[in-house]
C-alpha atoms as a PDB file:
ATOM      1  CA  LYS A   1      26.357 -62.651  76.147  1.00  0.00           C
ATOM      2  CA  LEU A   2      28.406 -63.974  73.299  1.00  0.00           C
ATOM      3  CA  TYR A   3      31.817 -65.444  74.177  1.00  0.00           C
ATOM      4  CA  VAL A   4      34.301 -66.075  71.376  1.00  0.00           C
ATOM      5  CA  VAL A   5      37.452 -68.000  72.252  1.00  0.00           C
ATOM      6  CA  ASP A   6      39.353 -67.268  69.044  1.00  0.00           C
ATOM      7  CA  ASP A   7      39.283 -64.523  66.423  1.00  0.00           C
ATOM      8  CA  ALA A   8      35.990 -63.197  65.087  1.00  0.00           C
ATOM      9  CA  SER A   9      35.941 -62.427  61.381  1.00  0.00           C
ATOM     10  CA  MET A  10      33.083 -60.741  59.542  1.00  0.00           C
ATOM     11  CA  ASP A  11      32.735 -60.236  55.832  1.00  0.00           C
ATOM     12  CA  SER A  12      30.550 -57.155  56.344  1.00  0.00           C
ATOM     13  CA  ASN A  13      30.133 -54.275  58.785  1.00  0.00           C
ATOM     14  CA  LEU A  14      29.869 -54.486  62.548  1.00  0.00           C
ATOM     15  CA  TYR A  15      27.235 -52.277  64.157  1.00  0.00           C
ATOM     16  CA  VAL A  16      27.150 -51.760  67.917  1.00  0.00           C
ATOM     17  CA  GLY A  17      24.037 -50.138  69.343  1.00  0.00           C
ATOM     18  CA  LYS A  18      25.667 -48.954  72.594  1.00  0.00           C
ATOM     19  CA  HIS A  19      29.112 -48.637  74.132  1.00  0.00           C
ATOM     20  CA  THR A  20      32.084 -50.724  73.055  1.00  0.00           C
ATOM     21  CA  ARG A  21      34.874 -51.595  75.465  1.00  0.00           C
ATOM     22  CA  VAL A  22      38.224 -53.008  74.408  1.00  0.00           C
ATOM     23  CA  ASP A  23      40.388 -54.252  77.288  1.00  0.00           C
ATOM     24  CA  GLY A  24      43.382 -54.844  75.017  1.00  0.00           C
ATOM     25  CA  SER A  25      44.766 -52.957  72.044  1.00  0.00           C
ATOM     26  CA  LEU A  26      42.735 -51.952  68.985  1.00  0.00           C
ATOM     27  CA  ASN A  27      44.502 -52.310  65.657  1.00  0.00           C
ATOM     28  CA  VAL A  28      42.807 -50.775  62.630  1.00  0.00           C
ATOM     29  CA  VAL A  29      44.252 -51.381  59.168  1.00  0.00           C
ATOM     30  CA  GLY A  30      42.279 -48.711  57.344  1.00  0.00           C
ATOM     31  CA  ASP A  31      41.000 -45.235  58.239  1.00  0.00           C
ATOM     32  CA  VAL A  32      38.967 -44.534  61.375  1.00  0.00           C
ATOM     33  CA  ALA A  33      35.993 -42.191  60.958  1.00  0.00           C
ATOM     34  CA  ILE A  34      34.447 -40.723  64.115  1.00  0.00           C
ATOM     35  CA  ASN A  35      31.302 -38.684  63.544  1.00  0.00           C
ATOM     36  CA  ASP A  36      31.422 -37.098  66.991  1.00  0.00           C
ATOM     37  CA  ARG A  37      34.009 -36.187  69.609  1.00  0.00           C
ATOM     38  CA  LEU A  38      36.872 -38.423  70.768  1.00  0.00           C
ATOM     39  CA  PHE A  39      37.723 -38.536  74.480  1.00  0.00           C
ATOM     40  CA  VAL A  40      41.041 -40.068  75.560  1.00  0.00           C
ATOM     41  CA  ALA A  41      41.749 -40.549  79.253  1.00  0.00           C
ATOM     42  CA  ASN A  42      45.547 -40.888  78.965  1.00  0.00           C
ATOM     43  CA  ASP A  43      48.245 -39.693  76.586  1.00  0.00           C
ATOM     44  CA  VAL A  44      47.898 -39.902  72.812  1.00  0.00           C
ATOM     45  CA  SER A  45      50.873 -40.862  70.659  1.00  0.00           C
ATOM     46  CA  PHE A  46      51.016 -40.581  66.855  1.00  0.00           C
ATOM     47  CA  ASN A  47      53.830 -42.259  64.955  1.00  0.00           C
ATOM     48  CA  SER A  48      53.248 -39.998  61.953  1.00  0.00           C
ATOM     49  CA  LYS A  49      51.766 -36.592  61.167  1.00  0.00           C
ATOM     50  CA  LEU A  50      48.507 -35.190  62.547  1.00  0.00           C
ATOM     51  CA  TYR A  51      46.299 -33.306  60.105  1.00  0.00           C
ATOM     52  CA  VAL A  52      43.491 -31.152  61.497  1.00  0.00           C
ATOM     53  CA  ALA A  53      41.015 -29.563  59.096  1.00  0.00           C
ATOM     54  CA  ASP A  54      39.633 -27.001  61.545  1.00  0.00           C
ATOM     55  CA  ASP A  55      40.875 -25.074  64.597  1.00  0.00           C
ATOM     56  CA  ILE A  56      42.705 -26.697  67.517  1.00  0.00           C
ATOM     57  CA  SER A  57      41.672 -25.620  71.011  1.00  0.00           C
ATOM     58  CA  THR A  58      43.496 -26.705  74.164  1.00  0.00           C
ATOM     59  CA  ASN A  59      42.369 -25.990  77.721  1.00  0.00           C
ATOM     60  CA  ALA A  60      45.955 -26.161  78.998  1.00  0.00           C
ATOM     61  CA  ASN A  61      49.471 -25.564  77.698  1.00  0.00           C
ATOM     62  CA  LEU A  62      50.892 -26.803  74.401  1.00  0.00           C
ATOM     63  CA  TYR A  63      54.395 -28.284  74.535  1.00  0.00           C
ATOM     64  CA  VAL A  64      56.389 -28.958  71.373  1.00  0.00           C
ATOM     65  CA  ALA A  65      59.606 -30.953  71.793  1.00  0.00           C
ATOM     66  CA  LYS A  66      61.131 -29.901  68.466  1.00  0.00           C
ATOM     67  CA  HIS A  67      60.658 -27.222  65.832  1.00  0.00           C
ATOM     68  CA  THR A  68      57.320 -25.569  65.096  1.00  0.00           C
ATOM     69  CA  LYS A  69      56.493 -24.266  61.623  1.00  0.00           C
ATOM     70  CA  VAL A  70      53.552 -21.960  60.935  1.00  0.00           C
ATOM     71  CA  ASP A  71      52.865 -21.399  57.242  1.00  0.00           C
ATOM     72  CA  GLY A  72      50.233 -18.742  57.919  1.00  0.00           C
ATOM     73  CA  SER A  73      49.984 -15.982  60.497  1.00  0.00           C
ATOM     74  CA  LEU A  74      50.349 -16.543  64.250  1.00  0.00           C
ATOM     75  CA  ASN A  75      47.932 -14.561  66.405  1.00  0.00           C
ATOM     76  CA  VAL A  76      48.622 -14.521  70.142  1.00  0.00           C
ATOM     77  CA  VAL A  77      46.139 -12.848  72.504  1.00  0.00           C
ATOM     78  CA  GLY A  78      48.396 -12.746  75.572  1.00  0.00           C
ATOM     79  CA  ASP A  79      52.125 -12.304  76.147  1.00  0.00           C
ATOM     80  CA  VAL A  80      54.776 -14.333  74.335  1.00  0.00           C
ATOM     81  CA  ALA A  81      57.747 -15.504  76.428  1.00  0.00           C
ATOM     82  CA  ILE A  82      60.827 -16.753  74.556  1.00  0.00           C
ATOM     83  CA  GLU A  83      63.572 -18.118  76.791  1.00  0.00           C
ATOM     84  CA  ASP A  84      66.173 -18.121  74.024  1.00  0.00           C
ATOM     85  CA  ARG A  85      66.935 -16.090  70.912  1.00  0.00           C
ATOM     86  CA  LEU A  86      64.401 -15.113  68.228  1.00  0.00           C
ATOM     87  CA  PHE A  87      65.457 -15.298  64.578  1.00  0.00           C
ATOM     88  CA  VAL A  88      63.333 -13.522  61.949  1.00  0.00           C
ATOM     89  CA  THR A  89      64.200 -14.006  58.268  1.00  0.00           C
ATOM     90  CA  ASN A  90      62.239 -11.053  56.891  1.00  0.00           C
ATOM     91  CA  ASP A  91      61.134  -7.723  58.300  1.00  0.00           C
ATOM     92  CA  ALA A  92      59.575  -7.450  61.758  1.00  0.00           C
ATOM     93  CA  SER A  93      56.728  -4.974  62.260  1.00  0.00           C
ATOM     94  CA  PHE A  94      55.333  -3.876  65.627  1.00  0.00           C
ATOM     95  CA  SER A  95      52.029  -2.003  65.791  1.00  0.00           C
ATOM     96  CA  SER A  96      52.880  -0.602  69.225  1.00  0.00           C
ATOM     97  CA  LYS A  97      55.936   0.076  71.371  1.00  0.00           C
ATOM     98  CA  LEU A  98      58.951  -2.214  71.763  1.00  0.00           C
ATOM     99  CA  TYR A  99      60.394  -2.569  75.262  1.00  0.00           C
ATOM    100  CA  VAL A 100      63.864  -4.076  75.677  1.00  0.00           C
ATOM    101  CA  ASP A 101      65.289  -4.721  79.153  1.00  0.00           C
ATOM    102  CA  SER A 102      68.907  -5.102  78.040  1.00  0.00           C
ATOM    103  CA  ASP A 103      71.174  -3.801  75.269  1.00  0.00           C
ATOM    104  CA  ILE A 104      70.241  -3.715  71.594  1.00  0.00           C
ATOM    105  CA  SER A 105      72.930  -4.788  69.123  1.00  0.00           C
ATOM    106  CA  THR A 106      72.578  -4.510  65.348  1.00  0.00           C
ATOM    107  CA  ASN A 107      75.061  -5.830  62.797  1.00  0.00           C
ATOM    108  CA  ALA A 108      73.942  -3.240  60.233  1.00  0.00           C
ATOM    109  CA  ASN A 109      72.440   0.251  60.179  1.00  0.00           C
ATOM    110  CA  LEU A 110      69.530   1.486  62.284  1.00  0.00           C
ATOM    111  CA  TYR A 111      66.922   3.543  60.442  1.00  0.00           C
ATOM    112  CA  VAL A 112      64.249   5.509  62.318  1.00  0.00           C
ATOM    113  CA  ALA A 113      61.487   7.041  60.203  1.00  0.00           C
ATOM    114  CA  LYS A 114      60.304   9.522  62.837  1.00  0.00           C
ATOM    115  CA  HIS A 115      61.561  11.117  66.035  1.00  0.00           C
ATOM    116  CA  THR A 116      63.959   9.385  68.430  1.00  0.00           C
ATOM    117  CA  GLN A 117      63.880  10.122  72.161  1.00  0.00           C
ATOM    118  CA  ILE A 118      66.724   9.029  74.446  1.00  0.00           C
ATOM    119  CA  ASP A 119      66.071   9.542  78.140  1.00  0.00           C
ATOM    120  CA  GLY A 120      69.615   8.566  79.109  1.00  0.00           C
ATOM    121  CA  SER A 121      73.021   9.232  77.568  1.00  0.00           C
ATOM    122  CA  LEU A 122      73.997   8.499  73.954  1.00  0.00           C
ATOM    123  CA  ASN A 123      77.478   7.023  73.469  1.00  0.00           C
ATOM    124  CA  VAL A 124      78.763   6.880  69.887  1.00  0.00           C
ATOM    125  CA  ILE A 125      82.138   5.271  69.128  1.00  0.00           C
ATOM    126  CA  GLY A 126      82.447   6.463  65.525  1.00  0.00           C
ATOM    127  CA  ASP A 127      81.471   9.626  63.691  1.00  0.00           C
ATOM    128  CA  VAL A 128      77.988  11.134  63.800  1.00  0.00           C
ATOM    129  CA  ALA A 129      76.602  12.437  60.516  1.00  0.00           C
ATOM    130  CA  ILE A 130      73.522  14.706  60.634  1.00  0.00           C
ATOM    131  CA  ASN A 131      72.109  15.685  57.255  1.00  0.00           C
ATOM    132  CA  ASP A 132      69.935  18.443  58.699  1.00  0.00           C
ATOM    133  CA  ARG A 133      69.968  20.825  61.658  1.00  0.00           C
ATOM    134  CA  LEU A 134      70.715  19.850  65.260  1.00  0.00           C
ATOM    135  CA  PHE A 135      68.561  21.315  68.039  1.00  0.00           C
ATOM    136  CA  VAL A 136      69.768  21.003  71.639  1.00  0.00           C
ATOM    137  CA  ALA A 137      67.532  22.185  74.495  1.00  0.00           C
ATOM    138  CA  ASN A 138      70.262  22.409  77.162  1.00  0.00           C
ATOM    139  CA  ASP A 139      74.019  23.004  77.238  1.00  0.00           C
ATOM    140  CA  VAL A 140      76.430  21.240  74.879  1.00  0.00           C
ATOM    141  CA  SER A 141      79.809  20.076  76.138  1.00  0.00           C
ATOM    142  CA  PHE A 142      82.665  18.845  73.901  1.00  0.00           C
ATOM    143  CA  SER A 143      85.634  17.071  75.467  1.00  0.00           C
ATOM    144  CA  SER A 144      87.754  17.860  72.418  1.00  0.00           C
ATOM    145  CA  LYS A 145      87.819  20.317  69.510  1.00  0.00           C
ATOM    146  CA  LEU A 146      84.846  21.477  67.434  1.00  0.00           C
ATOM    147  CA  TYR A 147      85.410  21.773  63.698  1.00  0.00           C
ATOM    148  CA  VAL A 148      82.894  23.744  61.611  1.00  0.00           C
ATOM    149  CA  VAL A 149      83.273  23.703  57.817  1.00  0.00           C
ATOM    150  CA  ASP A 150      80.896  26.596  57.123  1.00  0.00           C
ATOM    151  CA  ASP A 151      79.809  29.683  59.036  1.00  0.00           C
ATOM    152  CA  ALA A 152      78.754  29.526  62.679  1.00  0.00           C
ATOM    153  CA  SER A 153      75.740  31.689  63.533  1.00  0.00           C
ATOM    154  CA  MET A 154      74.452  32.342  67.060  1.00  0.00           C
ATOM    155  CA  ASP A 155      71.285  34.202  68.001  1.00  0.00           C
ATOM    156  CA  SER A 156      72.720  35.120  71.410  1.00  0.00           C
ATOM    157  CA  ASN A 157      76.085  35.808  73.058  1.00  0.00           C
ATOM    158  CA  LEU A 158      79.278  33.787  72.744  1.00  0.00           C
ATOM    159  CA  TYR A 159      81.212  33.150  75.948  1.00  0.00           C
ATOM    160  CA  VAL A 160      84.738  31.723  75.814  1.00  0.00           C
ATOM    161  CA  GLY A 161      86.253  30.517  79.095  1.00  0.00           C
ATOM    162  CA  LYS A 162      89.866  30.661  77.892  1.00  0.00           C
ATOM    163  CA  HIS A 163      91.887  32.069  74.975  1.00  0.00           C
ATOM    164  CA  THR A 164      90.424  32.668  71.539  1.00  0.00           C
ATOM    165  CA  ARG A 165      92.535  32.394  68.418  1.00  0.00           C
ATOM    166  CA  VAL A 166      91.440  33.629  64.991  1.00  0.00           C
ATOM    167  CA  ASP A 167      93.767  32.602  62.146  1.00  0.00           C
ATOM    168  CA  GLY A 168      91.922  34.746  59.625  1.00  0.00           C
ATOM    169  CA  SER A 169      90.301  38.171  59.831  1.00  0.00           C
ATOM    170  CA  LEU A 170      87.791  39.177  62.507  1.00  0.00           C
ATOM    171  CA  ASN A 171      84.891  41.281  61.270  1.00  0.00           C
ATOM    172  CA  VAL A 172      82.655  42.840  63.929  1.00  0.00           C
ATOM    173  CA  VAL A 173      79.502  44.697  62.873  1.00  0.00           C
ATOM    174  CA  GLY A 174      78.788  46.380  66.231  1.00  0.00           C
ATOM    175  CA  ASP A 175      80.920  47.742  69.035  1.00  0.00           C
ATOM    176  CA  VAL A 176      83.709  45.766  70.682  1.00  0.00           C
ATOM    177  CA  ALA A 177      83.988  46.053  74.474  1.00  0.00           C
ATOM    178  CA  ILE A 178      87.198  44.796  76.139  1.00  0.00           C
ATOM    179  CA  ASN A 179      87.141  44.848  79.929  1.00  0.00           C
ATOM    180  CA  ASP A 180      90.919  44.414  80.202  1.00  0.00           C
ATOM    181  CA  ARG A 181      94.003  45.305  78.186  1.00  0.00           C
ATOM    182  CA  LEU A 182      94.474  44.738  74.448  1.00  0.00           C
ATOM    183  CA  PHE A 183      97.794  43.414  73.167  1.00  0.00           C
ATOM    184  CA  VAL A 184      98.558  43.587  69.431  1.00  0.00           C
ATOM    185  CA  ALA A 185     101.740  41.945  68.099  1.00  0.00           C
ATOM    186  CA  ASN A 186     101.885  43.869  64.796  1.00  0.00           C
ATOM    187  CA  ASP A 187     100.695  47.242  63.508  1.00  0.00           C
ATOM    188  CA  VAL A 188      97.234  48.605  64.204  1.00  0.00           C
ATOM    189  CA  SER A 189      95.343  50.492  61.504  1.00  0.00           C
ATOM    190  CA  PHE A 190      92.103  52.469  62.028  1.00  0.00           C
ATOM    191  CA  ASN A 191      90.089  53.641  59.037  1.00  0.00           C
ATOM    192  CA  SER A 192      88.386  56.320  61.119  1.00  0.00           C
ATOM    193  CA  LYS A 193      89.013  58.325  64.298  1.00  0.00           C
ATOM    194  CA  LEU A 194      90.416  56.987  67.572  1.00  0.00           C
ATOM    195  CA  TYR A 195      88.807  58.267  70.760  1.00  0.00           C
ATOM    196  CA  VAL A 196      90.600  57.723  74.060  1.00  0.00           C
ATOM    197  CA  ALA A 197      88.819  58.608  77.303  1.00  0.00           C
ATOM    198  CA  ASP A 198      91.938  58.614  79.474  1.00  0.00           C
ATOM    199  CA  ASP A 199      95.685  59.247  79.060  1.00  0.00           C
ATOM    200  CA  ILE A 200      97.798  57.775  76.281  1.00  0.00           C
ATOM    201  CA  SER A 201     101.212  56.409  77.253  1.00  0.00           C
ATOM    202  CA  THR A 202     103.835  55.156  74.789  1.00  0.00           C
ATOM    203  CA  ASN A 203     107.079  53.411  75.649  1.00  0.00           C
ATOM    204  CA  ALA A 204     108.702  54.703  72.431  1.00  0.00           C
ATOM    205  CA  ASN A 205     108.374  57.600  69.983  1.00  0.00           C
ATOM    206  CA  LEU A 206     105.123  59.047  68.620  1.00  0.00           C
ATOM    207  CA  TYR A 207     105.110  59.788  64.912  1.00  0.00           C
ATOM    208  CA  VAL A 208     102.331  61.845  63.321  1.00  0.00           C
ATOM    209  CA  ALA A 209     102.279  61.902  59.526  1.00  0.00           C
ATOM    210  CA  LYS A 210     100.094  65.013  59.213  1.00  0.00           C
ATOM    211  CA  HIS A 211      98.927  67.925  61.355  1.00  0.00           C
ATOM    212  CA  THR A 212      98.515  67.717  65.123  1.00  0.00           C
ATOM    213  CA  LYS A 213      95.962  69.853  66.948  1.00  0.00           C
ATOM    214  CA  VAL A 214      96.009  70.306  70.722  1.00  0.00           C
ATOM    215  CA  ASP A 215      92.886  71.988  72.102  1.00  0.00           C
ATOM    216  CA  GLY A 216      94.303  72.155  75.625  1.00  0.00           C
ATOM    217  CA  SER A 217      97.775  72.865  76.961  1.00  0.00           C
ATOM    218  CA  LEU A 218     100.912  71.070  75.806  1.00  0.00           C
ATOM    219  CA  ASN A 219     103.402  70.307  78.529  1.00  0.00           C
ATOM    220  CA  VAL A 220     106.822  69.179  77.355  1.00  0.00           C
END
């Protein structure tokens, strides 16, 4: 063995054929080049940046005390759990579905390129503008009035639970069947004949402008 009481200084290189053990600290002024792997039993602390030319592989978790910046892409094989908010400066693209356990709030518009399916109810505070047709598979219920700017066309019947008011004219192509009485506030004009299956009763006079023909008897 070689024992040195004080410092050892060499003007050239130091080659060690086997293992080297340092019981104290090792201070290196210049760079350290290791041609093979580096094993550290305890923690490693760097007072400055760490540059790695190739991939970094860890057999356990990776904890970062402060911010993490990735200049390239970030590929994650398993799930990603974020315990706080996620801020994205540019667009976010998902190749598959997006599942959200709680509410979704957007400060701007929401654009959907394809179909939208809502399994629950849809509550809208403001107006709803639909630039194309609206198809509803089941019944439609309105808690208030329904305003239609253009014509309303139905391929089936129209049932009205209460009164119906028409401020303009009412044009009916086919027959009109009324199961109860018909009250008309003003005059009634028929462009063709009027057929009555039962008796006719008037509470006032009956005026006939032209001829009157009675095929049966006339009782006065």
